[in-house]
Amino acid sequence: MDEKDFYIFGEPVETEFGEVRFLTYVEYLHNLTELSAMSQNVLHIYYQYKNHYDSIKLDEHLKAQIEESLEALKKESLYNIVKENKELKSDYQKIFDLVIGNKEIIDVIFSDEQLFMKFRKLILDMNMMTESLVSPNPEIQKGIERSRRVKQNSSKDKQSFGDIVSSIVVGAGILPQDVAHMTVLQVYSTYYRISRFQSYNTSTLFATVAEKVEIESWSAHIDLWEKEKDGMEKSEFDKKFGNIF
């Protein structure tokens, strides 16, 4: 059984350094900027800097220097980047302090790359944060970003956190304060389960008056960690467009 199967209960996760607790939904919302920074890998950071400098008019000499620095950054480890970047390190430390709360233990974790990456993954998993798709190939990355923008702009059913909270309040018959103290996983699993249950009820109702109505079980598995696929893999890109470049 996967350890993630037990995350639904919201109990702190035991590690060799003691317990790591889940953020409440309110804490998650207040610290979403820091969590998003934690979910960035080296390529995310590389493109963030690259897009910034590409938007600035620079002389050729300075541009060449920056490009050389960015290529070096791409080859660096995330651990070293975080340790050298004050803003990123502060984001990490804020979240680590919230979920671990022991400075001595946090210092030990930050002093060892393997421990650092292990706890980074654990904290991201516990709070439903995943690394968005990113490609080392600039052309593919442009396609990924374009696809992502199109999906965001074309989405007709965008829910704010207020919509999600009010849906759970109505669907589960609890108070907003109760939702505030749930974990992110509990919030989203409840929200999607309520949606699935309402869809099931509607389908069964239509099935009484119409033929061939597909009815999916309201208790079917929902993969909340499933990554959305934007763009195409490098092998697929090379196969279709490799001879152009």
C-alpha atoms as a PDB file:
ATOM      1  CA  MET A   1       0.000   0.000   0.000  1.00  0.00           C
ATOM      2  CA  ASP A   2       1.329   3.439  -0.991  1.00  0.00           C
ATOM      3  CA  GLU A   3       2.087   5.802   1.890  1.00  0.00           C
ATOM      4  CA  LYS A   4       0.002   8.423   0.075  1.00  0.00           C
ATOM      5  CA  ASP A   5      -3.079   6.274   0.675  1.00  0.00           C
ATOM      6  CA  PHE A   6      -2.896   7.330   4.340  1.00  0.00           C
ATOM      7  CA  TYR A   7      -2.615  11.058   3.580  1.00  0.00           C
ATOM      8  CA  ILE A   8      -6.415  11.337   3.442  1.00  0.00           C
ATOM      9  CA  PHE A   9      -6.502  11.089   7.268  1.00  0.00           C
ATOM     10  CA  GLY A  10      -4.334  14.200   7.663  1.00  0.00           C
ATOM     11  CA  GLU A  11      -2.151  12.612  10.338  1.00  0.00           C
ATOM     12  CA  PRO A  12       1.482  13.872  10.541  1.00  0.00           C
ATOM     13  CA  VAL A  13       3.967  11.744   8.591  1.00  0.00           C
ATOM     14  CA  GLU A  14       6.639  10.020  10.656  1.00  0.00           C
ATOM     15  CA  THR A  15      10.236  10.432   9.447  1.00  0.00           C
ATOM     16  CA  GLU A  16      13.676   9.697  10.881  1.00  0.00           C
ATOM     17  CA  PHE A  17      13.673  13.270  12.194  1.00  0.00           C
ATOM     18  CA  GLY A  18      10.238  13.198  13.751  1.00  0.00           C
ATOM     19  CA  GLU A  19       6.851  14.267  12.436  1.00  0.00           C
ATOM     20  CA  VAL A  20       6.078  16.390   9.389  1.00  0.00           C
ATOM     21  CA  ARG A  21       2.582  17.847   9.578  1.00  0.00           C
ATOM     22  CA  PHE A  22       0.173  18.789   6.826  1.00  0.00           C
ATOM     23  CA  LEU A  23      -0.670  22.421   6.178  1.00  0.00           C
ATOM     24  CA  THR A  24      -4.307  23.305   6.704  1.00  0.00           C
ATOM     25  CA  TYR A  25      -6.180  24.605   3.670  1.00  0.00           C
ATOM     26  CA  VAL A  26      -5.992  28.171   5.017  1.00  0.00           C
ATOM     27  CA  GLU A  27      -2.234  27.842   5.562  1.00  0.00           C
ATOM     28  CA  TYR A  28      -1.889  26.408   2.075  1.00  0.00           C
ATOM     29  CA  LEU A  29      -3.669  29.404   0.540  1.00  0.00           C
ATOM     30  CA  HIS A  30      -1.599  31.889   2.559  1.00  0.00           C
ATOM     31  CA  ASN A  31       1.648  30.191   1.519  1.00  0.00           C
ATOM     32  CA  LEU A  32       0.845  29.262  -2.074  1.00  0.00           C
ATOM     33  CA  THR A  33       3.585  31.565  -3.420  1.00  0.00           C
ATOM     34  CA  GLU A  34       6.243  29.809  -1.334  1.00  0.00           C
ATOM     35  CA  LEU A  35       4.907  26.348  -2.192  1.00  0.00           C
ATOM     36  CA  SER A  36       4.899  27.224  -5.880  1.00  0.00           C
ATOM     37  CA  ALA A  37       8.537  28.312  -5.586  1.00  0.00           C
ATOM     38  CA  MET A  38       9.326  24.966  -3.945  1.00  0.00           C
ATOM     39  CA  SER A  39       7.693  23.086  -6.817  1.00  0.00           C
ATOM     40  CA  GLN A  40      10.065  24.629  -9.364  1.00  0.00           C
ATOM     41  CA  ASN A  41      12.931  22.480 -10.602  1.00  0.00           C
ATOM     42  CA  VAL A  42      16.156  23.733 -12.209  1.00  0.00           C
ATOM     43  CA  LEU A  43      14.601  24.090 -15.667  1.00  0.00           C
ATOM     44  CA  HIS A  44      11.692  26.123 -14.314  1.00  0.00           C
ATOM     45  CA  ILE A  45      14.151  28.523 -12.706  1.00  0.00           C
ATOM     46  CA  TYR A  46      16.282  28.613 -15.857  1.00  0.00           C
ATOM     47  CA  TYR A  47      13.314  29.604 -18.066  1.00  0.00           C
ATOM     48  CA  GLN A  48      12.145  32.141 -15.495  1.00  0.00           C
ATOM     49  CA  TYR A  49      15.464  33.969 -15.750  1.00  0.00           C
ATOM     50  CA  LYS A  50      15.721  33.423 -19.516  1.00  0.00           C
ATOM     51  CA  ASN A  51      12.275  34.874 -20.204  1.00  0.00           C
ATOM     52  CA  HIS A  52      13.112  37.849 -18.018  1.00  0.00           C
ATOM     53  CA  TYR A  53      16.362  38.662 -19.818  1.00  0.00           C
ATOM     54  CA  ASP A  54      14.859  37.964 -23.248  1.00  0.00           C
ATOM     55  CA  SER A  55      12.324  40.715 -22.548  1.00  0.00           C
ATOM     56  CA  ILE A  56      15.100  43.263 -21.902  1.00  0.00           C
ATOM     57  CA  LYS A  57      17.070  44.995 -24.635  1.00  0.00           C
ATOM     58  CA  LEU A  58      20.760  44.230 -23.996  1.00  0.00           C
ATOM     59  CA  ASP A  59      23.975  44.808 -25.926  1.00  0.00           C
ATOM     60  CA  GLU A  60      25.417  41.719 -27.580  1.00  0.00           C
ATOM     61  CA  HIS A  61      28.361  41.366 -25.187  1.00  0.00           C
ATOM     62  CA  LEU A  62      26.194  41.443 -22.053  1.00  0.00           C
ATOM     63  CA  LYS A  63      23.628  39.176 -23.686  1.00  0.00           C
ATOM     64  CA  ALA A  64      26.344  36.595 -24.428  1.00  0.00           C
ATOM     65  CA  GLN A  65      27.555  36.734 -20.813  1.00  0.00           C
ATOM     66  CA  ILE A  66      24.042  36.222 -19.468  1.00  0.00           C
ATOM     67  CA  GLU A  67      23.404  33.312 -21.834  1.00  0.00           C
ATOM     68  CA  GLU A  68      26.627  31.690 -20.671  1.00  0.00           C
ATOM     69  CA  SER A  69      25.586  32.140 -17.020  1.00  0.00           C
ATOM     70  CA  LEU A  70      22.148  30.716 -17.738  1.00  0.00           C
ATOM     71  CA  GLU A  71      23.628  27.640 -19.416  1.00  0.00           C
ATOM     72  CA  ALA A  72      25.774  27.106 -16.315  1.00  0.00           C
ATOM     73  CA  LEU A  73      22.677  27.515 -14.142  1.00  0.00           C
ATOM     74  CA  LYS A  74      20.877  24.824 -16.152  1.00  0.00           C
ATOM     75  CA  LYS A  75      23.609  22.343 -15.215  1.00  0.00           C
ATOM     76  CA  GLU A  76      23.565  23.258 -11.510  1.00  0.00           C
ATOM     77  CA  SER A  77      21.733  21.209  -8.870  1.00  0.00           C
ATOM     78  CA  LEU A  78      18.494  22.521  -7.386  1.00  0.00           C
ATOM     79  CA  TYR A  79      20.028  22.133  -3.935  1.00  0.00           C
ATOM     80  CA  ASN A  80      22.908  24.501  -4.730  1.00  0.00           C
ATOM     81  CA  ILE A  81      20.631  27.008  -6.444  1.00  0.00           C
ATOM     82  CA  VAL A  82      18.348  27.196  -3.401  1.00  0.00           C
ATOM     83  CA  LYS A  83      21.271  27.564  -1.002  1.00  0.00           C
ATOM     84  CA  GLU A  84      22.731  30.432  -3.052  1.00  0.00           C
ATOM     85  CA  ASN A  85      19.464  32.260  -3.744  1.00  0.00           C
ATOM     86  CA  LYS A  86      18.276  34.192  -0.657  1.00  0.00           C
ATOM     87  CA  GLU A  87      14.694  34.567  -1.838  1.00  0.00           C
ATOM     88  CA  LEU A  88      14.293  30.899  -2.769  1.00  0.00           C
ATOM     89  CA  LYS A  89      15.980  29.750   0.433  1.00  0.00           C
ATOM     90  CA  SER A  90      13.633  31.961   2.447  1.00  0.00           C
ATOM     91  CA  ASP A  91      10.601  30.399   0.724  1.00  0.00           C
ATOM     92  CA  TYR A  92      11.826  26.903   1.544  1.00  0.00           C
ATOM     93  CA  GLN A  93      12.679  27.754   5.135  1.00  0.00           C
ATOM     94  CA  LYS A  94       9.263  29.301   5.737  1.00  0.00           C
ATOM     95  CA  ILE A  95       7.470  26.119   4.646  1.00  0.00           C
ATOM     96  CA  PHE A  96       9.915  23.807   6.427  1.00  0.00           C
ATOM     97  CA  ASP A  97       9.433  25.817   9.610  1.00  0.00           C
ATOM     98  CA  LEU A  98       5.641  25.519   9.345  1.00  0.00           C
ATOM     99  CA  VAL A  99       5.550  21.746   8.843  1.00  0.00           C
ATOM    100  CA  ILE A 100       8.591  20.703  10.926  1.00  0.00           C
ATOM    101  CA  GLY A 101       9.070  23.600  13.327  1.00  0.00           C
ATOM    102  CA  ASN A 102      12.455  22.564  14.688  1.00  0.00           C
ATOM    103  CA  LYS A 103      15.331  24.802  13.580  1.00  0.00           C
ATOM    104  CA  GLU A 104      18.043  22.288  14.461  1.00  0.00           C
ATOM    105  CA  ILE A 105      16.387  19.566  12.376  1.00  0.00           C
ATOM    106  CA  ILE A 106      15.795  21.978   9.496  1.00  0.00           C
ATOM    107  CA  ASP A 107      19.475  22.990   9.581  1.00  0.00           C
ATOM    108  CA  VAL A 108      20.473  19.311   9.382  1.00  0.00           C
ATOM    109  CA  ILE A 109      18.158  18.761   6.406  1.00  0.00           C
ATOM    110  CA  PHE A 110      19.499  21.848   4.636  1.00  0.00           C
ATOM    111  CA  SER A 111      23.086  20.680   5.186  1.00  0.00           C
ATOM    112  CA  ASP A 112      22.626  17.458   3.182  1.00  0.00           C
ATOM    113  CA  GLU A 113      21.477  17.431  -0.461  1.00  0.00           C
ATOM    114  CA  GLN A 114      19.922  13.969  -0.331  1.00  0.00           C
ATOM    115  CA  LEU A 115      17.916  14.807   2.800  1.00  0.00           C
ATOM    116  CA  PHE A 116      16.927  18.174   1.361  1.00  0.00           C
ATOM    117  CA  MET A 117      15.531  16.648  -1.844  1.00  0.00           C
ATOM    118  CA  LYS A 118      13.791  13.869   0.085  1.00  0.00           C
ATOM    119  CA  PHE A 119      11.967  16.281   2.400  1.00  0.00           C
ATOM    120  CA  ARG A 120      11.206  18.665  -0.462  1.00  0.00           C
ATOM    121  CA  LYS A 121       9.381  15.865  -2.294  1.00  0.00           C
ATOM    122  CA  LEU A 122       7.590  14.741   0.860  1.00  0.00           C
ATOM    123  CA  ILE A 123       6.312  18.236   1.672  1.00  0.00           C
ATOM    124  CA  LEU A 124       5.205  18.869  -1.917  1.00  0.00           C
ATOM    125  CA  ASP A 125       3.371  15.518  -2.046  1.00  0.00           C
ATOM    126  CA  MET A 126       1.676  16.149   1.297  1.00  0.00           C
ATOM    127  CA  ASN A 127       0.363  19.482   0.031  1.00  0.00           C
ATOM    128  CA  MET A 128      -0.695  18.385  -3.459  1.00  0.00           C
ATOM    129  CA  MET A 129       2.041  20.322  -5.256  1.00  0.00           C
ATOM    130  CA  THR A 130       3.607  18.848  -8.401  1.00  0.00           C
ATOM    131  CA  GLU A 131       6.303  20.029 -10.782  1.00  0.00           C
ATOM    132  CA  SER A 132       4.610  21.299 -13.929  1.00  0.00           C
ATOM    133  CA  LEU A 133       5.803  19.842 -17.215  1.00  0.00           C
ATOM    134  CA  VAL A 134       8.973  21.507 -18.518  1.00  0.00           C
ATOM    135  CA  SER A 135      11.314  20.589 -21.373  1.00  0.00           C
ATOM    136  CA  PRO A 136      15.055  21.223 -21.814  1.00  0.00           C
ATOM    137  CA  ASN A 137      14.302  21.882 -25.499  1.00  0.00           C
ATOM    138  CA  PRO A 138      13.353  25.597 -25.922  1.00  0.00           C
ATOM    139  CA  GLU A 139      11.086  24.926 -28.927  1.00  0.00           C
ATOM    140  CA  ILE A 140       9.138  22.244 -27.079  1.00  0.00           C
ATOM    141  CA  GLN A 141       8.952  24.482 -24.011  1.00  0.00           C
ATOM    142  CA  LYS A 142       7.380  27.258 -26.085  1.00  0.00           C
ATOM    143  CA  GLY A 143       4.759  24.741 -27.228  1.00  0.00           C
ATOM    144  CA  ILE A 144       4.122  23.645 -23.639  1.00  0.00           C
ATOM    145  CA  GLU A 145       3.665  27.233 -22.466  1.00  0.00           C
ATOM    146  CA  ARG A 146       1.421  28.055 -25.448  1.00  0.00           C
ATOM    147  CA  SER A 147      -0.725  24.989 -24.795  1.00  0.00           C
ATOM    148  CA  ARG A 148      -0.996  25.885 -21.125  1.00  0.00           C
ATOM    149  CA  ARG A 149      -2.113  29.453 -21.930  1.00  0.00           C
ATOM    150  CA  VAL A 150      -4.738  28.187 -24.365  1.00  0.00           C
ATOM    151  CA  LYS A 151      -6.130  25.775 -21.780  1.00  0.00           C
ATOM    152  CA  GLN A 152      -6.250  28.478 -19.114  1.00  0.00           C
ATOM    153  CA  ASN A 153      -7.953  30.993 -21.403  1.00  0.00           C
ATOM    154  CA  SER A 154     -10.451  28.494 -22.832  1.00  0.00           C
ATOM    155  CA  SER A 155     -11.509  27.000 -19.514  1.00  0.00           C
ATOM    156  CA  LYS A 156     -15.210  27.761 -19.014  1.00  0.00           C
ATOM    157  CA  ASP A 157     -15.401  26.313 -15.532  1.00  0.00           C
ATOM    158  CA  LYS A 158     -12.753  28.038 -13.434  1.00  0.00           C
ATOM    159  CA  GLN A 159     -13.264  27.621  -9.709  1.00  0.00           C
ATOM    160  CA  SER A 160     -11.863  29.990  -7.108  1.00  0.00           C
ATOM    161  CA  PHE A 161     -10.988  28.646  -3.664  1.00  0.00           C
ATOM    162  CA  GLY A 162     -14.218  30.305  -2.482  1.00  0.00           C
ATOM    163  CA  ASP A 163     -16.206  28.254  -4.998  1.00  0.00           C
ATOM    164  CA  ILE A 164     -14.536  25.069  -3.776  1.00  0.00           C
ATOM    165  CA  VAL A 165     -15.181  25.886  -0.105  1.00  0.00           C
ATOM    166  CA  SER A 166     -18.839  26.801  -0.686  1.00  0.00           C
ATOM    167  CA  SER A 167     -19.368  23.628  -2.767  1.00  0.00           C
ATOM    168  CA  ILE A 168     -18.050  21.487   0.078  1.00  0.00           C
ATOM    169  CA  VAL A 169     -20.156  23.397   2.617  1.00  0.00           C
ATOM    170  CA  VAL A 170     -23.319  22.739   0.584  1.00  0.00           C
ATOM    171  CA  GLY A 171     -22.409  19.198  -0.478  1.00  0.00           C
ATOM    172  CA  ALA A 172     -21.101  17.894   2.837  1.00  0.00           C
ATOM    173  CA  GLY A 173     -23.215  20.015   5.188  1.00  0.00           C
ATOM    174  CA  ILE A 174     -20.275  21.440   7.152  1.00  0.00           C
ATOM    175  CA  LEU A 175     -19.137  24.959   8.059  1.00  0.00           C
ATOM    176  CA  PRO A 176     -16.509  27.004   6.194  1.00  0.00           C
ATOM    177  CA  GLN A 177     -14.414  26.921   9.383  1.00  0.00           C
ATOM    178  CA  ASP A 178     -14.354  23.128   9.138  1.00  0.00           C
ATOM    179  CA  VAL A 179     -13.026  23.318   5.565  1.00  0.00           C
ATOM    180  CA  ALA A 180     -10.364  25.812   6.689  1.00  0.00           C
ATOM    181  CA  HIS A 181      -8.836  23.205   8.985  1.00  0.00           C
ATOM    182  CA  MET A 182      -8.881  20.369   6.443  1.00  0.00           C
ATOM    183  CA  THR A 183      -5.732  19.472   4.516  1.00  0.00           C
ATOM    184  CA  VAL A 184      -5.448  20.297   0.814  1.00  0.00           C
ATOM    185  CA  LEU A 185      -5.910  16.620  -0.076  1.00  0.00           C
ATOM    186  CA  GLN A 186      -9.025  16.370   2.089  1.00  0.00           C
ATOM    187  CA  VAL A 187     -10.455  19.512   0.483  1.00  0.00           C
ATOM    188  CA  TYR A 188      -9.904  18.423  -3.114  1.00  0.00           C
ATOM    189  CA  SER A 189     -10.819  14.778  -2.588  1.00  0.00           C
ATOM    190  CA  THR A 190     -14.085  15.873  -0.920  1.00  0.00           C
ATOM    191  CA  TYR A 191     -14.792  18.457  -3.609  1.00  0.00           C
ATOM    192  CA  TYR A 192     -14.283  16.012  -6.495  1.00  0.00           C
ATOM    193  CA  ARG A 193     -16.146  13.217  -4.710  1.00  0.00           C
ATOM    194  CA  ILE A 194     -19.166  15.483  -4.214  1.00  0.00           C
ATOM    195  CA  SER A 195     -18.998  16.416  -7.909  1.00  0.00           C
ATOM    196  CA  ARG A 196     -18.752  12.734  -8.892  1.00  0.00           C
ATOM    197  CA  PHE A 197     -21.678  11.854  -6.629  1.00  0.00           C
ATOM    198  CA  GLN A 198     -23.880  14.610  -8.078  1.00  0.00           C
ATOM    199  CA  SER A 199     -22.953  13.526 -11.611  1.00  0.00           C
ATOM    200  CA  TYR A 200     -23.833   9.929 -10.707  1.00  0.00           C
ATOM    201  CA  ASN A 201     -27.253  10.995  -9.406  1.00  0.00           C
ATOM    202  CA  THR A 202     -27.941  12.971 -12.590  1.00  0.00           C
ATOM    203  CA  SER A 203     -26.868  10.063 -14.815  1.00  0.00           C
ATOM    204  CA  THR A 204     -29.047   7.539 -12.991  1.00  0.00           C
ATOM    205  CA  LEU A 205     -32.000   9.907 -13.260  1.00  0.00           C
ATOM    206  CA  PHE A 206     -31.547  10.277 -17.037  1.00  0.00           C
ATOM    207  CA  ALA A 207     -31.068   6.516 -17.377  1.00  0.00           C
ATOM    208  CA  THR A 208     -34.693   6.032 -16.376  1.00  0.00           C
ATOM    209  CA  VAL A 209     -35.931   7.985 -19.407  1.00  0.00           C
ATOM    210  CA  ALA A 210     -33.155   7.604 -21.986  1.00  0.00           C
ATOM    211  CA  GLU A 211     -31.163   4.799 -23.536  1.00  0.00           C
ATOM    212  CA  LYS A 212     -27.410   4.260 -23.454  1.00  0.00           C
ATOM    213  CA  VAL A 213     -26.637   6.649 -20.604  1.00  0.00           C
ATOM    214  CA  GLU A 214     -23.145   5.921 -19.335  1.00  0.00           C
ATOM    215  CA  ILE A 215     -23.125   5.657 -15.550  1.00  0.00           C
ATOM    216  CA  GLU A 216     -19.774   5.817 -13.793  1.00  0.00           C
ATOM    217  CA  SER A 217     -19.536   4.726 -10.177  1.00  0.00           C
ATOM    218  CA  TRP A 218     -19.552   7.695  -7.795  1.00  0.00           C
ATOM    219  CA  SER A 219     -16.892   5.931  -5.709  1.00  0.00           C
ATOM    220  CA  ALA A 220     -14.479   5.326  -8.627  1.00  0.00           C
ATOM    221  CA  HIS A 221     -10.815   6.179  -8.015  1.00  0.00           C
ATOM    222  CA  ILE A 222      -9.796   9.825  -8.491  1.00  0.00           C
ATOM    223  CA  ASP A 223      -6.082  10.391  -9.100  1.00  0.00           C
ATOM    224  CA  LEU A 224      -5.405  13.806  -7.585  1.00  0.00           C
ATOM    225  CA  TRP A 225      -1.667  13.555  -8.293  1.00  0.00           C
ATOM    226  CA  GLU A 226      -2.116  12.963 -12.009  1.00  0.00           C
ATOM    227  CA  LYS A 227       0.028  15.351 -14.027  1.00  0.00           C
ATOM    228  CA  GLU A 228      -1.555  17.225 -16.890  1.00  0.00           C
ATOM    229  CA  LYS A 229       0.219  16.758 -20.206  1.00  0.00           C
ATOM    230  CA  ASP A 230       0.952  19.923 -22.162  1.00  0.00           C
ATOM    231  CA  GLY A 231       2.660  19.831 -25.532  1.00  0.00           C
ATOM    232  CA  MET A 232       4.557  16.742 -26.672  1.00  0.00           C
ATOM    233  CA  GLU A 233       7.558  14.664 -25.661  1.00  0.00           C
ATOM    234  CA  LYS A 234      10.947  15.402 -27.271  1.00  0.00           C
ATOM    235  CA  SER A 235      10.940  12.085 -29.173  1.00  0.00           C
ATOM    236  CA  GLU A 236       7.542  12.949 -30.673  1.00  0.00           C
ATOM    237  CA  PHE A 237       8.710  16.488 -31.477  1.00  0.00           C
ATOM    238  CA  ASP A 238      11.881  15.241 -33.204  1.00  0.00           C
ATOM    239  CA  LYS A 239       9.887  12.712 -35.216  1.00  0.00           C
ATOM    240  CA  LYS A 240       7.489  15.370 -36.528  1.00  0.00           C
ATOM    241  CA  PHE A 241       9.718  18.436 -36.833  1.00  0.00           C
ATOM    242  CA  GLY A 242      13.327  17.318 -36.374  1.00  0.00           C
ATOM    243  CA  ASN A 243      14.255  17.787 -40.025  1.00  0.00           C
ATOM    244  CA  ILE A 244      13.109  21.428 -39.965  1.00  0.00           C
ATOM    245  CA  PHE A 245      15.686  22.661 -37.439  1.00  0.00           C
END
